[in-house]
Amino acid sequence: MDDCDNATCPEDELTLPRSSVNKMIKEVLPHLRVANNSRELILNCCTEFIMLLSSHSNEICEKKNKKTILPEHVIEALRELGFGDYVPEVNDVLSNFKSEISSRKRGNKKLDKLGISEEELLRQQQELFAQARQQHYEAELAQHNAALAAAAAANNASVSEIPAATLGGVQQSSAEQTGADEDDDDYDT
């Protein structure tokens, strides 16, 4: 153990989280203080037990030409290693786990917690989609109207900039019109 440093020693990687082990110790022995070196020993024993059980389960799995360790392999390994007394409790935990998984598959817990039926959620979703479509339509209509107004303004600006000579004599200049009015006054007198 003196050969490896903290970064390369594989034993440091294969351990249980200290906080989980400490929590289990506090749950089992709530009124007792456990020394740090005792906690470390318990942690090492737990890790060693898991490694022993998993490697023996793997051997059983390989003997049966399987690629996945199944709960049956773990239970058989417990019996072979002399921990047959734990098998009933392991079976209870396994059945609880299976029932919890099946209940998760049956219903969505988030949906159950909402207290709203699926039909009501579907109606609300369709309502939200309709509102979004209406907002999108209004935004496109406003954008279209703004583009039309800009085009009309640009068209009006271009017409007012056209010189009088290019209109083909349709429009007279204001000086010509005032001169014509003055000529009319001369004939009246």
Protein backbone atom coordinates (compact mmCIF):
# COMPACT_ATOMS: atom_id res chain seq x y z
CA MET A 1 0.00 0.00 0.00
CA ASP A 2 2.98 2.31 0.42
CA ASP A 3 3.79 1.84 -3.30
CA CYS A 4 0.77 3.72 -4.65
CA ASP A 5 -0.16 7.33 -4.25
CA ASN A 6 -3.74 8.59 -3.93
CA ALA A 7 -4.22 9.08 -7.68
CA THR A 8 -3.17 5.60 -8.84
CA CYS A 9 -4.17 3.27 -6.01
CA PRO A 10 -7.16 1.17 -7.22
CA GLU A 11 -8.26 0.33 -3.67
CA ASP A 12 -9.24 3.97 -3.08
CA GLU A 13 -11.59 3.81 -6.04
CA LEU A 14 -13.35 0.64 -4.85
CA THR A 15 -15.00 1.80 -1.67
CA LEU A 16 -18.41 2.84 -0.44
CA PRO A 17 -19.15 6.50 0.25
CA ARG A 18 -18.19 7.32 3.82
CA SER A 19 -21.32 9.38 4.33
CA SER A 20 -23.54 6.40 3.44
CA VAL A 21 -21.73 4.09 5.82
CA ASN A 22 -21.82 6.72 8.60
CA LYS A 23 -25.54 7.15 8.05
CA MET A 24 -26.11 3.39 8.33
CA ILE A 25 -24.05 3.26 11.52
CA LYS A 26 -26.11 6.09 13.04
CA GLU A 27 -29.36 4.34 12.11
CA VAL A 28 -28.28 1.01 13.61
CA LEU A 29 -26.52 2.45 16.67
CA PRO A 30 -28.18 5.82 17.39
CA HIS A 31 -27.10 6.08 21.05
CA LEU A 32 -23.48 4.97 20.71
CA ARG A 33 -20.40 6.86 19.60
CA VAL A 34 -18.22 5.00 17.11
CA ALA A 35 -14.53 5.90 16.86
CA ASN A 36 -13.19 7.02 13.51
CA ASN A 37 -10.87 4.03 13.16
CA SER A 38 -13.84 1.74 13.86
CA ARG A 39 -15.83 3.51 11.15
CA GLU A 40 -12.93 3.02 8.77
CA LEU A 41 -12.79 -0.70 9.67
CA ILE A 42 -16.52 -1.09 9.06
CA LEU A 43 -16.15 0.70 5.72
CA ASN A 44 -13.31 -1.63 4.67
CA CYS A 45 -15.27 -4.72 5.78
CA CYS A 46 -18.34 -3.60 3.81
CA THR A 47 -16.24 -2.98 0.72
CA GLU A 48 -14.50 -6.33 1.06
CA PHE A 49 -17.83 -8.14 1.53
CA ILE A 50 -19.30 -6.54 -1.59
CA MET A 51 -16.20 -7.40 -3.62
CA LEU A 52 -16.28 -11.02 -2.38
CA LEU A 53 -20.01 -11.41 -3.04
CA SER A 54 -19.86 -9.80 -6.49
CA SER A 55 -16.84 -11.83 -7.63
CA HIS A 56 -18.43 -15.09 -6.42
CA SER A 57 -21.73 -14.11 -8.10
CA ASN A 58 -19.78 -13.45 -11.28
CA GLU A 59 -18.20 -16.93 -11.10
CA ILE A 60 -21.66 -18.50 -10.74
CA CYS A 61 -22.89 -16.39 -13.66
CA GLU A 62 -20.00 -17.56 -15.84
CA LYS A 63 -20.59 -21.21 -14.89
CA LYS A 64 -24.18 -20.85 -16.16
CA ASN A 65 -22.93 -19.19 -19.39
CA LYS A 66 -24.72 -15.92 -18.63
CA LYS A 67 -23.40 -12.43 -19.27
CA THR A 68 -25.46 -10.63 -16.63
CA ILE A 69 -25.41 -11.27 -12.90
CA LEU A 70 -28.99 -11.94 -11.85
CA PRO A 71 -30.45 -11.82 -8.32
CA GLU A 72 -30.52 -15.63 -8.32
CA HIS A 73 -26.74 -15.67 -8.79
CA VAL A 74 -26.25 -13.35 -5.81
CA ILE A 75 -28.54 -15.47 -3.62
CA GLU A 76 -26.69 -18.64 -4.61
CA ALA A 77 -23.36 -16.93 -3.86
CA LEU A 78 -24.65 -15.94 -0.39
CA ARG A 79 -25.52 -19.57 0.32
CA GLU A 80 -22.18 -20.88 -0.96
CA LEU A 81 -20.24 -18.32 1.08
CA GLY A 82 -22.03 -19.32 4.29
CA PHE A 83 -24.44 -16.39 4.50
CA GLY A 84 -27.58 -18.49 3.91
CA ASP A 85 -29.23 -16.90 6.98
CA TYR A 86 -29.50 -13.64 5.02
CA VAL A 87 -31.35 -15.17 2.05
CA PRO A 88 -34.92 -14.64 3.41
CA GLU A 89 -34.22 -10.96 4.08
CA VAL A 90 -32.59 -10.59 0.66
CA ASN A 91 -35.69 -12.16 -0.94
CA ASP A 92 -37.91 -9.65 0.92
CA VAL A 93 -35.81 -6.74 -0.30
CA LEU A 94 -35.88 -8.15 -3.83
CA SER A 95 -39.68 -8.53 -3.84
CA ASN A 96 -40.09 -4.97 -2.49
CA PHE A 97 -37.79 -3.70 -5.21
CA LYS A 98 -39.73 -5.55 -7.93
CA SER A 99 -43.08 -4.23 -6.69
CA GLU A 100 -41.72 -0.68 -6.55
CA ILE A 101 -40.43 -0.96 -10.13
CA SER A 102 -43.74 -2.36 -11.37
CA SER A 103 -45.69 0.44 -9.67
CA ARG A 104 -43.42 2.99 -11.37
CA LYS A 105 -44.21 1.42 -14.72
CA ARG A 106 -47.96 1.41 -14.08
CA GLY A 107 -48.39 5.09 -13.39
CA ASN A 108 -46.55 8.32 -13.64
CA LYS A 109 -46.07 9.61 -10.09
CA LYS A 110 -45.88 13.23 -11.23
CA LEU A 111 -49.23 12.87 -12.94
CA ASP A 112 -50.71 11.25 -9.84
CA LYS A 113 -49.40 14.04 -7.60
CA LEU A 114 -51.00 16.76 -9.75
CA GLY A 115 -54.51 15.57 -8.99
CA ILE A 116 -55.65 16.45 -12.52
CA SER A 117 -57.03 13.90 -14.95
CA GLU A 118 -55.28 13.18 -18.22
CA GLU A 119 -58.27 14.58 -20.12
CA GLU A 120 -58.00 17.88 -18.25
CA LEU A 121 -54.25 18.05 -18.91
CA LEU A 122 -54.87 17.36 -22.61
CA ARG A 123 -57.53 20.10 -22.74
CA GLN A 124 -55.13 22.56 -21.06
CA GLN A 125 -52.37 21.60 -23.51
CA GLN A 126 -54.66 22.15 -26.50
CA GLU A 127 -55.72 25.52 -25.06
CA LEU A 128 -52.08 26.57 -24.70
CA PHE A 129 -51.37 25.50 -28.28
CA ALA A 130 -54.34 27.56 -29.51
CA GLN A 131 -53.11 30.61 -27.61
CA ALA A 132 -49.63 30.17 -29.06
CA ARG A 133 -51.04 29.87 -32.60
CA GLN A 134 -53.11 33.05 -32.08
CA GLN A 135 -50.09 34.99 -30.80
CA HIS A 136 -48.01 33.76 -33.72
CA TYR A 137 -50.74 34.78 -36.19
CA GLU A 138 -51.03 38.25 -34.63
CA ALA A 139 -47.27 38.74 -34.71
CA GLU A 140 -47.10 37.73 -38.38
CA LEU A 141 -50.05 40.01 -39.21
CA ALA A 142 -48.39 42.96 -37.46
CA GLN A 143 -45.14 42.25 -39.31
CA HIS A 144 -47.01 42.04 -42.64
CA ASN A 145 -48.87 45.33 -41.98
CA ALA A 146 -45.62 47.05 -41.03
CA ALA A 147 -44.02 45.84 -44.26
CA LEU A 148 -47.00 47.13 -46.29
CA ALA A 149 -46.85 50.52 -44.55
CA ALA A 150 -43.11 50.77 -45.19
CA ALA A 151 -43.61 49.88 -48.85
CA ALA A 152 -46.39 52.47 -49.19
CA ALA A 153 -44.26 55.15 -47.54
CA ALA A 154 -41.35 54.32 -49.81
CA ASN A 155 -43.65 54.47 -52.85
CA ASN A 156 -45.05 57.89 -51.82
CA ALA A 157 -41.57 59.25 -51.21
CA SER A 158 -40.39 58.13 -54.64
CA VAL A 159 -43.39 59.72 -56.39
CA SER A 160 -42.88 63.14 -54.73
CA GLU A 161 -39.22 63.17 -55.80
CA ILE A 162 -40.04 62.87 -59.53
CA PRO A 163 -39.17 66.15 -61.38
CA ALA A 164 -41.96 68.06 -63.17
CA ALA A 165 -40.34 67.65 -66.60
CA THR A 166 -40.57 63.90 -66.36
CA LEU A 167 -44.31 64.00 -65.75
CA GLY A 168 -44.83 65.04 -69.39
CA GLY A 169 -46.13 68.54 -68.83
CA VAL A 170 -48.99 67.40 -66.68
CA GLN A 171 -47.96 69.55 -63.79
CA GLN A 172 -47.06 73.24 -64.21
CA SER A 173 -44.61 74.93 -61.98
CA SER A 174 -46.02 77.35 -59.43
CA ALA A 175 -44.24 80.33 -61.11
CA GLU A 176 -45.99 79.65 -64.41
CA GLN A 177 -49.36 79.51 -62.68
CA THR A 178 -48.84 82.83 -60.86
CA GLY A 179 -47.69 84.53 -64.08
CA ALA A 180 -50.82 83.40 -65.88
CA ASP A 181 -52.99 84.88 -63.14
CA GLU A 182 -51.26 88.25 -63.46
CA ASP A 183 -51.89 88.31 -67.22
CA ASP A 184 -55.61 87.90 -66.64
CA ASP A 185 -55.64 90.99 -64.43
CA ASP A 186 -54.20 93.15 -67.22
CA TYR A 187 -57.11 92.56 -69.59
CA ASP A 188 -59.74 93.54 -67.09
CA THR A 189 -58.60 97.10 -66.71
